[in-house]
């Protein structure tokens, strides 16, 4: 999001989970969750809300959809669907397949939520069969938010079950220069800050 907007920013990479391996982070975010965004006096911990805030505050209309536009409701729906409907079930797949101790893992729960995610992904499939992006006939913050859910699915191997339209959409998002810059910067900052550069969904607790 920040790369798409061309905003200067500082990125702090934390060992995962930070509430265990970077206890000092709890002073900044008592929830212990990531990400945390600080913009002056504004502090935010919800990813979709950050996208909405940045698009409205700094996008000059290029990444958001204004109230009164016919696509405004669709834009907000996609923006918030990204976390609540598409990302959430995958976090349970991740947790009950890999992150819990062996005796607490729940293969059936993980399988059920994987199917739930793939069923909800049909909405994305329908949208990107009609158009290149999700709403408003152009690339918006909603596409950025949904991109994270698709990226997480790739880490979990669920991308193998993407429809052709969703797979092509995900390829378009990954090819954007801002996406490539963001991934490169994340890796560079992890190395510079001495943090394991393995994406958190790929970590396998011992």
N, C-alpha and C. Protein backbone atom coordinates (compact mmCIF):
# COMPACT_ATOMS: atom_id res chain seq x y z
N UNK A 1 0.84 -1.20 0.00
CA UNK A 1 0.00 0.00 0.00
C UNK A 1 0.88 1.25 0.00
N UNK A 2 1.87 1.26 0.87
CA UNK A 2 2.76 2.41 0.96
C UNK A 2 3.59 2.57 -0.31
N UNK A 3 4.00 1.46 -0.89
CA UNK A 3 4.78 1.53 -2.14
C UNK A 3 3.90 2.02 -3.29
N UNK A 4 2.66 1.59 -3.35
CA UNK A 4 1.76 2.06 -4.40
C UNK A 4 1.56 3.57 -4.30
N UNK A 5 1.51 4.08 -3.07
CA UNK A 5 1.27 5.52 -2.86
C UNK A 5 2.56 6.34 -2.95
N UNK A 6 3.71 5.67 -2.94
CA UNK A 6 4.97 6.39 -3.00
C UNK A 6 5.29 7.15 -1.73
N UNK A 7 4.81 6.64 -0.59
CA UNK A 7 5.03 7.29 0.70
C UNK A 7 6.37 6.83 1.29
N UNK A 8 7.13 7.77 1.83
CA UNK A 8 8.35 7.42 2.55
C UNK A 8 7.97 6.81 3.89
N UNK A 9 8.58 5.69 4.23
CA UNK A 9 8.22 5.01 5.48
C UNK A 9 9.41 4.24 6.03
N UNK A 10 9.33 3.92 7.31
CA UNK A 10 10.31 3.05 7.96
C UNK A 10 9.64 1.72 8.27
N UNK A 11 10.34 0.64 8.00
CA UNK A 11 9.80 -0.69 8.22
C UNK A 11 10.62 -1.40 9.29
N UNK A 12 9.96 -1.83 10.35
CA UNK A 12 10.60 -2.60 11.41
C UNK A 12 10.10 -4.04 11.30
N UNK A 13 11.02 -4.97 11.11
CA UNK A 13 10.67 -6.39 11.00
C UNK A 13 10.88 -7.05 12.35
N UNK A 14 9.92 -7.85 12.79
CA UNK A 14 9.97 -8.48 14.10
C UNK A 14 10.04 -10.00 13.97
N UNK A 15 10.71 -10.66 14.92
CA UNK A 15 10.66 -12.13 14.93
C UNK A 15 9.26 -12.59 15.29
N UNK A 16 8.86 -13.71 14.74
CA UNK A 16 7.48 -14.18 14.91
C UNK A 16 7.42 -15.35 15.88
N UNK A 17 6.43 -15.35 16.79
CA UNK A 17 5.48 -14.27 17.09
C UNK A 17 6.11 -13.22 17.99
N UNK A 18 5.90 -11.95 17.73
CA UNK A 18 6.57 -10.90 18.50
C UNK A 18 6.21 -10.90 19.98
N UNK A 19 5.01 -11.34 20.33
CA UNK A 19 4.63 -11.34 21.75
C UNK A 19 5.49 -12.31 22.55
N UNK A 20 6.16 -13.25 21.85
CA UNK A 20 7.06 -14.20 22.51
C UNK A 20 8.51 -13.80 22.33
N UNK A 21 8.88 -13.42 21.11
CA UNK A 21 10.29 -13.19 20.77
C UNK A 21 10.70 -11.72 20.75
N UNK A 22 9.77 -10.82 20.91
CA UNK A 22 10.09 -9.38 20.96
C UNK A 22 9.16 -8.72 21.97
N UNK A 23 9.34 -9.09 23.24
CA UNK A 23 8.41 -8.67 24.29
C UNK A 23 8.29 -7.16 24.40
N UNK A 24 9.34 -6.44 24.04
CA UNK A 24 9.30 -4.98 24.13
C UNK A 24 8.25 -4.39 23.19
N UNK A 25 7.88 -5.16 22.16
CA UNK A 25 6.87 -4.69 21.21
C UNK A 25 5.53 -4.48 21.88
N UNK A 26 5.27 -5.21 22.96
CA UNK A 26 4.00 -5.07 23.67
C UNK A 26 3.82 -3.67 24.24
N UNK A 27 4.91 -2.95 24.44
CA UNK A 27 4.80 -1.57 24.91
C UNK A 27 4.18 -0.68 23.82
N UNK A 28 4.44 -1.01 22.57
CA UNK A 28 3.88 -0.25 21.45
C UNK A 28 2.50 -0.77 21.06
N UNK A 29 2.33 -2.08 21.14
CA UNK A 29 1.05 -2.71 20.77
C UNK A 29 0.74 -3.81 21.77
N UNK A 30 -0.05 -3.51 22.79
CA UNK A 30 -0.37 -4.51 23.83
C UNK A 30 -1.00 -5.79 23.28
N UNK A 31 -1.60 -5.73 22.08
CA UNK A 31 -2.18 -6.93 21.48
C UNK A 31 -1.11 -7.92 21.04
N UNK A 32 0.08 -7.40 20.75
CA UNK A 32 1.15 -8.26 20.28
C UNK A 32 0.99 -8.70 18.84
N UNK A 33 0.05 -8.10 18.13
CA UNK A 33 -0.22 -8.49 16.74
C UNK A 33 0.57 -7.63 15.77
N UNK A 34 0.71 -8.12 14.57
CA UNK A 34 1.30 -7.35 13.48
C UNK A 34 0.31 -7.34 12.32
N UNK A 35 0.29 -6.25 11.57
CA UNK A 35 1.16 -5.08 11.67
C UNK A 35 0.67 -4.05 12.67
N UNK A 36 1.56 -3.13 12.98
CA UNK A 36 1.23 -1.90 13.70
C UNK A 36 1.68 -0.76 12.80
N UNK A 37 0.81 0.18 12.53
CA UNK A 37 1.17 1.35 11.74
C UNK A 37 1.05 2.60 12.60
N UNK A 38 2.10 3.42 12.56
CA UNK A 38 2.11 4.68 13.29
C UNK A 38 2.28 5.81 12.29
N UNK A 39 1.35 6.74 12.30
CA UNK A 39 1.40 7.91 11.42
C UNK A 39 1.12 9.13 12.28
N UNK A 40 2.18 9.74 12.79
CA UNK A 40 1.99 10.84 13.72
C UNK A 40 1.32 10.34 14.99
N UNK A 41 0.19 10.94 15.33
CA UNK A 41 -0.55 10.53 16.53
C UNK A 41 -1.49 9.36 16.25
N UNK A 42 -1.59 8.94 15.01
CA UNK A 42 -2.48 7.84 14.63
C UNK A 42 -1.76 6.50 14.75
N UNK A 43 -2.38 5.57 15.47
CA UNK A 43 -1.83 4.22 15.63
C UNK A 43 -2.92 3.23 15.24
N UNK A 44 -2.58 2.30 14.36
CA UNK A 44 -3.58 1.36 13.85
C UNK A 44 -3.02 -0.06 13.85
N UNK A 45 -3.91 -1.03 14.14
CA UNK A 45 -3.50 -2.44 14.18
C UNK A 45 -4.32 -3.33 13.25
N UNK A 46 -5.30 -2.77 12.56
CA UNK A 46 -6.14 -3.56 11.66
C UNK A 46 -5.75 -3.30 10.20
N UNK A 47 -5.37 -4.35 9.50
CA UNK A 47 -4.80 -4.20 8.16
C UNK A 47 -5.75 -3.52 7.17
N UNK A 48 -6.99 -3.97 7.11
CA UNK A 48 -7.94 -3.38 6.16
C UNK A 48 -8.20 -1.93 6.49
N UNK A 49 -8.27 -1.61 7.78
CA UNK A 49 -8.48 -0.21 8.18
C UNK A 49 -7.29 0.64 7.77
N UNK A 50 -6.09 0.09 7.86
CA UNK A 50 -4.90 0.83 7.41
C UNK A 50 -5.00 1.16 5.93
N UNK A 51 -5.41 0.17 5.14
CA UNK A 51 -5.54 0.41 3.70
C UNK A 51 -6.55 1.52 3.42
N UNK A 52 -7.68 1.47 4.12
CA UNK A 52 -8.71 2.49 3.93
C UNK A 52 -8.19 3.86 4.35
N UNK A 53 -7.50 3.92 5.48
CA UNK A 53 -6.95 5.18 6.00
C UNK A 53 -5.92 5.77 5.03
N UNK A 54 -4.99 4.95 4.58
CA UNK A 54 -3.93 5.45 3.70
C UNK A 54 -4.49 5.90 2.36
N UNK A 55 -5.42 5.13 1.81
CA UNK A 55 -6.01 5.51 0.52
C UNK A 55 -6.76 6.83 0.63
N UNK A 56 -7.51 7.00 1.73
CA UNK A 56 -8.29 8.23 1.92
C UNK A 56 -7.40 9.42 2.27
N UNK A 57 -6.34 9.18 3.02
CA UNK A 57 -5.50 10.28 3.51
C UNK A 57 -4.44 10.72 2.51
N UNK A 58 -3.91 9.77 1.74
CA UNK A 58 -2.76 10.07 0.90
C UNK A 58 -2.94 9.70 -0.58
N UNK A 59 -4.03 9.04 -0.90
CA UNK A 59 -4.18 8.51 -2.25
C UNK A 59 -4.61 9.50 -3.31
N UNK A 60 -5.16 10.65 -2.88
CA UNK A 60 -5.65 11.66 -3.82
C UNK A 60 -6.58 11.03 -4.87
N UNK A 61 -7.38 10.08 -4.40
CA UNK A 61 -8.38 9.47 -5.28
C UNK A 61 -7.89 8.33 -6.13
N UNK A 62 -6.59 8.01 -6.07
CA UNK A 62 -6.08 6.99 -6.99
C UNK A 62 -6.33 5.57 -6.51
N UNK A 63 -6.47 5.37 -5.19
CA UNK A 63 -6.65 4.01 -4.69
C UNK A 63 -7.94 3.78 -3.92
N UNK A 64 -8.66 4.85 -3.61
CA UNK A 64 -9.94 4.65 -2.92
C UNK A 64 -11.10 4.96 -3.87
N UNK A 65 -12.29 4.74 -3.37
CA UNK A 65 -13.51 5.05 -4.12
C UNK A 65 -14.32 5.98 -3.22
N UNK A 66 -14.68 7.16 -3.69
CA UNK A 66 -15.33 8.14 -2.81
C UNK A 66 -16.80 7.83 -2.55
N UNK A 67 -17.32 8.27 -1.40
CA UNK A 67 -18.76 8.17 -1.17
C UNK A 67 -19.51 8.87 -2.30
N UNK A 68 -20.59 8.29 -2.70
CA UNK A 68 -21.35 8.85 -3.82
C UNK A 68 -21.05 8.15 -5.12
N UNK A 69 -19.88 7.54 -5.23
CA UNK A 69 -19.56 6.74 -6.40
C UNK A 69 -20.39 5.45 -6.36
N UNK A 70 -20.85 5.01 -7.50
CA UNK A 70 -21.69 3.81 -7.56
C UNK A 70 -20.97 2.58 -7.02
N UNK A 71 -19.64 2.59 -7.06
CA UNK A 71 -18.86 1.43 -6.61
C UNK A 71 -18.41 1.54 -5.15
N UNK A 72 -18.84 2.60 -4.45
CA UNK A 72 -18.35 2.83 -3.09
C UNK A 72 -18.67 1.66 -2.15
N UNK A 73 -19.90 1.19 -2.17
CA UNK A 73 -20.29 0.08 -1.30
C UNK A 73 -19.52 -1.18 -1.63
N UNK A 74 -19.36 -1.46 -2.91
CA UNK A 74 -18.60 -2.64 -3.33
C UNK A 74 -17.15 -2.54 -2.87
N UNK A 75 -16.58 -1.35 -3.00
CA UNK A 75 -15.20 -1.11 -2.57
C UNK A 75 -15.02 -1.42 -1.09
N UNK A 76 -15.89 -0.87 -0.25
CA UNK A 76 -15.79 -1.11 1.19
C UNK A 76 -16.00 -2.58 1.51
N UNK A 77 -16.92 -3.21 0.81
CA UNK A 77 -17.20 -4.62 1.07
C UNK A 77 -15.98 -5.49 0.78
N UNK A 78 -15.36 -5.27 -0.37
CA UNK A 78 -14.16 -6.03 -0.70
C UNK A 78 -13.03 -5.73 0.26
N UNK A 79 -12.87 -4.47 0.60
CA UNK A 79 -11.78 -4.06 1.48
C UNK A 79 -11.84 -4.82 2.80
N UNK A 80 -13.03 -4.92 3.37
CA UNK A 80 -13.16 -5.56 4.68
C UNK A 80 -13.37 -7.07 4.59
N UNK A 81 -13.86 -7.53 3.45
CA UNK A 81 -13.94 -8.98 3.22
C UNK A 81 -12.55 -9.61 3.24
N UNK A 82 -11.56 -8.85 2.84
CA UNK A 82 -10.20 -9.38 2.74
C UNK A 82 -9.74 -10.03 4.03
N UNK A 83 -9.95 -9.36 5.15
CA UNK A 83 -9.52 -9.92 6.44
C UNK A 83 -10.56 -10.85 7.05
N UNK A 84 -11.80 -10.38 7.13
CA UNK A 84 -12.80 -11.12 7.91
C UNK A 84 -13.26 -12.41 7.23
N UNK A 85 -13.30 -12.42 5.91
CA UNK A 85 -13.83 -13.58 5.19
C UNK A 85 -12.75 -14.41 4.52
N UNK A 86 -11.69 -13.77 4.02
CA UNK A 86 -10.68 -14.49 3.25
C UNK A 86 -9.43 -14.84 4.05
N UNK A 87 -8.97 -13.94 4.90
CA UNK A 87 -7.76 -14.22 5.66
C UNK A 87 -8.04 -15.01 6.93
N UNK A 88 -9.11 -14.66 7.65
CA UNK A 88 -9.39 -15.31 8.93
C UNK A 88 -9.41 -16.84 8.87
N UNK A 89 -10.16 -17.46 7.94
CA UNK A 89 -10.18 -18.92 7.94
C UNK A 89 -8.80 -19.53 7.70
N UNK A 90 -7.97 -18.81 6.96
CA UNK A 90 -6.63 -19.34 6.69
C UNK A 90 -5.74 -19.29 7.93
N UNK A 91 -5.98 -18.33 8.80
CA UNK A 91 -5.19 -18.29 10.04
C UNK A 91 -5.46 -19.53 10.88
N UNK A 92 -6.67 -20.06 10.81
CA UNK A 92 -7.00 -21.28 11.55
C UNK A 92 -6.36 -22.50 10.89
N UNK A 93 -6.30 -22.50 9.56
CA UNK A 93 -5.58 -23.56 8.86
C UNK A 93 -4.13 -23.57 9.31
N UNK A 94 -3.52 -22.39 9.32
CA UNK A 94 -2.12 -22.26 9.71
C UNK A 94 -1.90 -22.70 11.15
N UNK A 95 -2.78 -22.23 12.02
CA UNK A 95 -2.63 -22.55 13.45
C UNK A 95 -2.75 -24.04 13.71
N UNK A 96 -3.82 -24.65 13.20
CA UNK A 96 -4.10 -26.03 13.58
C UNK A 96 -3.39 -27.06 12.70
N UNK A 97 -2.64 -26.58 11.70
CA UNK A 97 -1.79 -27.48 10.92
C UNK A 97 -0.34 -27.41 11.36
N UNK A 98 0.14 -26.19 11.69
CA UNK A 98 1.57 -26.02 11.93
C UNK A 98 1.94 -25.39 13.27
N UNK A 99 1.18 -24.43 13.75
CA UNK A 99 1.65 -23.61 14.86
C UNK A 99 1.35 -24.19 16.25
N UNK A 100 0.33 -24.99 16.35
CA UNK A 100 0.02 -25.59 17.66
C UNK A 100 0.97 -26.76 17.94
N UNK A 101 1.22 -27.07 19.22
CA UNK A 101 1.98 -28.28 19.54
C UNK A 101 1.28 -29.50 18.93
N UNK A 102 2.03 -30.54 18.68
CA UNK A 102 1.48 -31.72 18.00
C UNK A 102 0.20 -32.24 18.64
N UNK A 103 0.17 -32.25 19.97
CA UNK A 103 -1.00 -32.82 20.64
C UNK A 103 -2.24 -31.93 20.52
N UNK A 104 -2.07 -30.67 20.10
CA UNK A 104 -3.20 -29.76 19.97
C UNK A 104 -3.60 -29.50 18.52
N UNK A 105 -2.91 -30.09 17.58
CA UNK A 105 -3.25 -29.87 16.18
C UNK A 105 -4.56 -30.56 15.83
N UNK A 106 -5.30 -29.92 14.92
CA UNK A 106 -6.65 -30.40 14.58
C UNK A 106 -6.78 -30.48 13.05
N UNK A 107 -6.37 -31.59 12.45
CA UNK A 107 -6.43 -31.71 10.99
C UNK A 107 -7.82 -31.47 10.41
N UNK A 108 -8.87 -31.93 11.11
CA UNK A 108 -10.22 -31.75 10.58
C UNK A 108 -10.63 -30.29 10.59
N UNK A 109 -10.26 -29.57 11.66
CA UNK A 109 -10.55 -28.14 11.73
C UNK A 109 -9.84 -27.42 10.59
N UNK A 110 -8.56 -27.74 10.39
CA UNK A 110 -7.80 -27.10 9.32
C UNK A 110 -8.42 -27.38 7.95
N UNK A 111 -8.81 -28.62 7.72
CA UNK A 111 -9.42 -28.98 6.43
C UNK A 111 -10.75 -28.27 6.23
N UNK A 112 -11.54 -28.17 7.29
CA UNK A 112 -12.84 -27.50 7.18
C UNK A 112 -12.66 -26.03 6.83
N UNK A 113 -11.71 -25.36 7.48
CA UNK A 113 -11.52 -23.93 7.21
C UNK A 113 -10.84 -23.68 5.87
N UNK A 114 -10.04 -24.62 5.40
CA UNK A 114 -9.49 -24.50 4.05
C UNK A 114 -10.62 -24.54 3.03
N UNK A 115 -11.57 -25.45 3.23
CA UNK A 115 -12.72 -25.52 2.32
C UNK A 115 -13.57 -24.26 2.42
N UNK A 116 -13.70 -23.72 3.64
CA UNK A 116 -14.46 -22.49 3.84
C UNK A 116 -13.83 -21.35 3.05
N UNK A 117 -12.51 -21.20 3.16
CA UNK A 117 -11.81 -20.16 2.40
C UNK A 117 -12.05 -20.33 0.90
N UNK A 118 -11.86 -21.53 0.40
CA UNK A 118 -12.00 -21.75 -1.04
C UNK A 118 -13.42 -21.50 -1.52
N UNK A 119 -14.41 -21.80 -0.67
CA UNK A 119 -15.80 -21.50 -1.03
C UNK A 119 -16.03 -20.00 -1.12
N UNK A 120 -15.47 -19.25 -0.16
CA UNK A 120 -15.64 -17.79 -0.17
C UNK A 120 -14.89 -17.15 -1.32
N UNK A 121 -13.84 -17.82 -1.78
CA UNK A 121 -13.05 -17.29 -2.89
C UNK A 121 -13.84 -17.26 -4.20
N UNK A 122 -14.97 -17.95 -4.22
CA UNK A 122 -15.80 -17.91 -5.43
C UNK A 122 -16.27 -16.49 -5.74
N UNK A 123 -16.42 -15.67 -4.70
CA UNK A 123 -16.82 -14.28 -4.94
C UNK A 123 -15.74 -13.53 -5.71
N UNK A 124 -14.48 -13.78 -5.34
CA UNK A 124 -13.37 -13.17 -6.07
C UNK A 124 -13.35 -13.68 -7.51
N UNK A 125 -13.54 -14.97 -7.66
CA UNK A 125 -13.56 -15.56 -8.99
C UNK A 125 -14.60 -14.90 -9.88
N UNK A 126 -15.80 -14.72 -9.35
CA UNK A 126 -16.87 -14.10 -10.14
C UNK A 126 -16.50 -12.67 -10.54
N UNK A 127 -15.90 -11.93 -9.60
CA UNK A 127 -15.56 -10.53 -9.88
C UNK A 127 -14.47 -10.41 -10.94
N UNK A 128 -13.43 -11.23 -10.83
CA UNK A 128 -12.30 -11.07 -11.77
C UNK A 128 -12.54 -11.81 -13.08
N UNK A 129 -13.61 -12.57 -13.18
CA UNK A 129 -14.02 -13.05 -14.50
C UNK A 129 -14.67 -11.92 -15.29
N UNK A 130 -15.30 -10.98 -14.56
CA UNK A 130 -15.98 -9.86 -15.22
C UNK A 130 -15.04 -8.72 -15.56
N UNK A 131 -14.02 -8.51 -14.72
CA UNK A 131 -13.17 -7.34 -14.87
C UNK A 131 -11.75 -7.68 -14.42
N UNK A 132 -10.83 -6.79 -14.74
CA UNK A 132 -9.43 -7.01 -14.39
C UNK A 132 -9.20 -6.93 -12.89
N UNK A 133 -9.96 -6.03 -12.22
CA UNK A 133 -9.82 -5.84 -10.78
C UNK A 133 -11.19 -5.98 -10.10
N UNK A 134 -11.23 -5.85 -8.79
CA UNK A 134 -12.42 -6.21 -8.02
C UNK A 134 -13.59 -5.26 -8.18
N UNK A 135 -13.31 -3.96 -8.26
CA UNK A 135 -14.41 -2.99 -8.27
C UNK A 135 -13.98 -1.69 -8.93
N UNK A 136 -14.96 -0.89 -9.27
CA UNK A 136 -14.74 0.46 -9.83
C UNK A 136 -14.02 0.45 -11.17
N UNK A 137 -13.83 -0.71 -11.77
CA UNK A 137 -13.18 -0.78 -13.07
C UNK A 137 -11.71 -0.42 -13.06
N UNK A 138 -11.07 -0.47 -11.87
CA UNK A 138 -9.66 -0.10 -11.77
C UNK A 138 -9.05 -0.71 -10.51
N UNK A 139 -7.74 -0.59 -10.40
CA UNK A 139 -7.01 -1.08 -9.23
C UNK A 139 -7.27 -0.16 -8.04
N UNK A 140 -7.63 -0.73 -6.89
CA UNK A 140 -7.90 0.05 -5.69
C UNK A 140 -7.26 -0.61 -4.47
N UNK A 141 -7.41 0.05 -3.33
CA UNK A 141 -6.91 -0.51 -2.07
C UNK A 141 -7.55 -1.86 -1.77
N UNK A 142 -8.75 -2.10 -2.28
CA UNK A 142 -9.40 -3.39 -2.06
C UNK A 142 -8.58 -4.52 -2.68
N UNK A 143 -8.00 -4.28 -3.84
CA UNK A 143 -7.15 -5.29 -4.47
C UNK A 143 -5.90 -5.56 -3.63
N UNK A 144 -5.35 -4.52 -3.05
CA UNK A 144 -4.17 -4.68 -2.19
C UNK A 144 -4.52 -5.53 -0.98
N UNK A 145 -5.67 -5.24 -0.37
CA UNK A 145 -6.08 -5.99 0.82
C UNK A 145 -6.33 -7.45 0.49
N UNK A 146 -7.00 -7.72 -0.60
CA UNK A 146 -7.29 -9.10 -0.99
C UNK A 146 -6.01 -9.82 -1.42
N UNK A 147 -5.04 -9.07 -1.94
CA UNK A 147 -3.77 -9.69 -2.34
C UNK A 147 -3.11 -10.42 -1.19
N UNK A 148 -3.22 -9.86 0.03
CA UNK A 148 -2.60 -10.55 1.17
C UNK A 148 -3.24 -11.91 1.40
N UNK A 149 -4.55 -11.99 1.29
CA UNK A 149 -5.24 -13.27 1.47
C UNK A 149 -4.77 -14.28 0.43
N UNK A 150 -4.57 -13.83 -0.80
CA UNK A 150 -4.10 -14.72 -1.85
C UNK A 150 -2.66 -15.14 -1.62
N UNK A 151 -1.86 -14.21 -1.10
CA UNK A 151 -0.47 -14.54 -0.79
C UNK A 151 -0.39 -15.58 0.33
N UNK A 152 -1.22 -15.40 1.36
CA UNK A 152 -1.26 -16.38 2.44
C UNK A 152 -1.68 -17.75 1.91
N UNK A 153 -2.66 -17.77 1.02
CA UNK A 153 -3.10 -19.03 0.42
C UNK A 153 -1.96 -19.71 -0.32
N UNK A 154 -1.13 -18.92 -0.96
CA UNK A 154 0.03 -19.48 -1.67
C UNK A 154 0.98 -20.14 -0.68
N UNK A 155 1.23 -19.50 0.45
CA UNK A 155 2.11 -20.08 1.46
C UNK A 155 1.55 -21.40 1.99
N UNK A 156 0.23 -21.50 2.04
CA UNK A 156 -0.41 -22.71 2.57
C UNK A 156 -0.65 -23.78 1.51
N UNK A 157 -0.29 -23.48 0.26
CA UNK A 157 -0.51 -24.43 -0.81
C UNK A 157 -1.93 -24.45 -1.34
N UNK A 158 -2.76 -23.54 -0.87
CA UNK A 158 -4.15 -23.50 -1.32
C UNK A 158 -4.29 -22.87 -2.71
N UNK A 159 -3.24 -22.19 -3.16
CA UNK A 159 -3.29 -21.58 -4.49
C UNK A 159 -3.40 -22.63 -5.59
N UNK A 160 -3.04 -23.88 -5.26
CA UNK A 160 -3.18 -24.95 -6.24
C UNK A 160 -4.63 -25.19 -6.62
N UNK A 161 -5.54 -24.69 -5.77
CA UNK A 161 -6.97 -24.86 -6.03
C UNK A 161 -7.63 -23.57 -6.50
N UNK A 162 -6.84 -22.55 -6.82
CA UNK A 162 -7.40 -21.33 -7.40
C UNK A 162 -8.02 -21.65 -8.76
N UNK A 163 -9.11 -20.98 -9.06
CA UNK A 163 -9.67 -21.07 -10.41
C UNK A 163 -8.72 -20.38 -11.38
N UNK A 164 -8.82 -20.63 -12.68
CA UNK A 164 -7.97 -19.94 -13.64
C UNK A 164 -8.08 -18.42 -13.54
N UNK A 165 -9.28 -17.90 -13.30
CA UNK A 165 -9.45 -16.45 -13.22
C UNK A 165 -8.77 -15.88 -11.98
N UNK A 166 -8.89 -16.55 -10.84
CA UNK A 166 -8.23 -16.08 -9.62
C UNK A 166 -6.72 -16.21 -9.75
N UNK A 167 -6.24 -17.29 -10.33
CA UNK A 167 -4.80 -17.47 -10.52
C UNK A 167 -4.23 -16.36 -11.40
N UNK A 168 -4.94 -16.00 -12.46
CA UNK A 168 -4.47 -14.93 -13.35
C UNK A 168 -4.50 -13.58 -12.63
N UNK A 169 -5.53 -13.36 -11.84
CA UNK A 169 -5.63 -12.12 -11.04
C UNK A 169 -4.47 -12.03 -10.07
N UNK A 170 -4.16 -13.11 -9.38
CA UNK A 170 -3.05 -13.12 -8.43
C UNK A 170 -1.73 -12.86 -9.15
N UNK A 171 -1.56 -13.40 -10.33
CA UNK A 171 -0.35 -13.13 -11.11
C UNK A 171 -0.25 -11.65 -11.46
N UNK A 172 -1.37 -11.03 -11.81
CA UNK A 172 -1.35 -9.60 -12.14
C UNK A 172 -0.93 -8.77 -10.92
N UNK A 173 -1.45 -9.13 -9.77
CA UNK A 173 -1.11 -8.38 -8.57
C UNK A 173 0.37 -8.52 -8.23
N UNK A 174 0.90 -9.73 -8.35
CA UNK A 174 2.31 -9.96 -8.02
C UNK A 174 3.26 -9.26 -8.99
N UNK A 175 2.78 -9.00 -10.19
CA UNK A 175 3.63 -8.37 -11.21
C UNK A 175 3.70 -6.86 -11.06
N UNK A 176 2.89 -6.28 -10.20
CA UNK A 176 2.90 -4.83 -10.04
C UNK A 176 4.25 -4.39 -9.45
N UNK A 177 4.86 -3.34 -9.99
CA UNK A 177 6.16 -2.89 -9.48
C UNK A 177 6.14 -2.59 -7.98
N UNK A 178 5.05 -2.03 -7.48
CA UNK A 178 4.98 -1.71 -6.05
C UNK A 178 5.01 -2.98 -5.21
N UNK A 179 4.36 -4.04 -5.66
CA UNK A 179 4.38 -5.31 -4.94
C UNK A 179 5.81 -5.86 -4.89
N UNK A 180 6.49 -5.82 -6.02
CA UNK A 180 7.86 -6.32 -6.08
C UNK A 180 8.78 -5.50 -5.18
N UNK A 181 8.61 -4.19 -5.18
CA UNK A 181 9.43 -3.34 -4.30
C UNK A 181 9.17 -3.66 -2.83
N UNK A 182 7.90 -3.86 -2.49
CA UNK A 182 7.55 -4.15 -1.10
C UNK A 182 8.19 -5.46 -0.64
N UNK A 183 8.15 -6.49 -1.47
CA UNK A 183 8.74 -7.77 -1.10
C UNK A 183 10.26 -7.65 -0.96
N UNK A 184 10.88 -6.91 -1.86
CA UNK A 184 12.33 -6.72 -1.80
C UNK A 184 12.73 -5.94 -0.56
N UNK A 185 11.94 -4.92 -0.23
CA UNK A 185 12.27 -4.12 0.95
C UNK A 185 12.09 -4.93 2.23
N UNK A 186 11.05 -5.73 2.28
CA UNK A 186 10.82 -6.56 3.46
C UNK A 186 12.00 -7.49 3.70
N UNK A 187 12.49 -8.11 2.65
CA UNK A 187 13.64 -9.01 2.76
C UNK A 187 14.88 -8.25 3.18
N UNK A 188 15.12 -7.11 2.54
CA UNK A 188 16.31 -6.32 2.86
C UNK A 188 16.30 -5.85 4.31
N UNK A 189 15.15 -5.38 4.78
CA UNK A 189 15.05 -4.89 6.16
C UNK A 189 15.24 -6.02 7.16
N UNK A 190 14.71 -7.20 6.85
CA UNK A 190 14.90 -8.34 7.75
C UNK A 190 16.38 -8.67 7.90
N UNK A 191 17.09 -8.69 6.78
CA UNK A 191 18.52 -8.99 6.82
C UNK A 191 19.27 -7.90 7.58
N UNK A 192 18.98 -6.64 7.28
CA UNK A 192 19.67 -5.53 7.93
C UNK A 192 19.41 -5.49 9.44
N UNK A 193 18.20 -5.91 9.84
CA UNK A 193 17.82 -5.85 11.25
C UNK A 193 18.09 -7.16 11.99
N UNK A 194 18.71 -8.12 11.31
CA UNK A 194 19.09 -9.37 11.95
C UNK A 194 17.93 -10.26 12.33
N UNK A 195 16.84 -10.20 11.55
CA UNK A 195 15.65 -11.00 11.82
C UNK A 195 15.53 -12.08 10.74
N UNK A 196 15.09 -13.25 11.14
CA UNK A 196 14.86 -14.34 10.19
C UNK A 196 13.96 -13.86 9.06
N UNK A 197 14.42 -14.01 7.83
CA UNK A 197 13.67 -13.50 6.68
C UNK A 197 12.62 -14.48 6.18
N UNK A 198 12.49 -15.64 6.82
CA UNK A 198 11.46 -16.60 6.42
C UNK A 198 10.08 -16.01 6.68
N UNK A 199 9.20 -15.96 5.69
CA UNK A 199 7.84 -15.45 5.94
C UNK A 199 7.18 -16.23 7.08
N UNK A 200 6.47 -15.52 7.95
CA UNK A 200 5.90 -16.18 9.13
C UNK A 200 5.02 -17.39 8.81
N UNK A 201 4.23 -17.38 7.71
CA UNK A 201 3.43 -18.59 7.43
C UNK A 201 4.27 -19.82 7.10
N UNK A 202 5.56 -19.59 6.75
CA UNK A 202 6.43 -20.72 6.40
C UNK A 202 7.23 -21.23 7.59
N UNK A 203 7.13 -20.55 8.74
CA UNK A 203 7.85 -21.00 9.93
C UNK A 203 7.21 -22.27 10.46
N UNK A 204 8.02 -23.16 10.96
CA UNK A 204 7.52 -24.41 11.52
C UNK A 204 8.09 -24.56 12.93
N UNK A 205 7.32 -24.15 13.95
CA UNK A 205 7.81 -24.23 15.32
C UNK A 205 8.24 -25.65 15.67
N UNK A 206 9.35 -25.75 16.38
CA UNK A 206 9.86 -27.07 16.76
C UNK A 206 9.11 -27.62 17.96
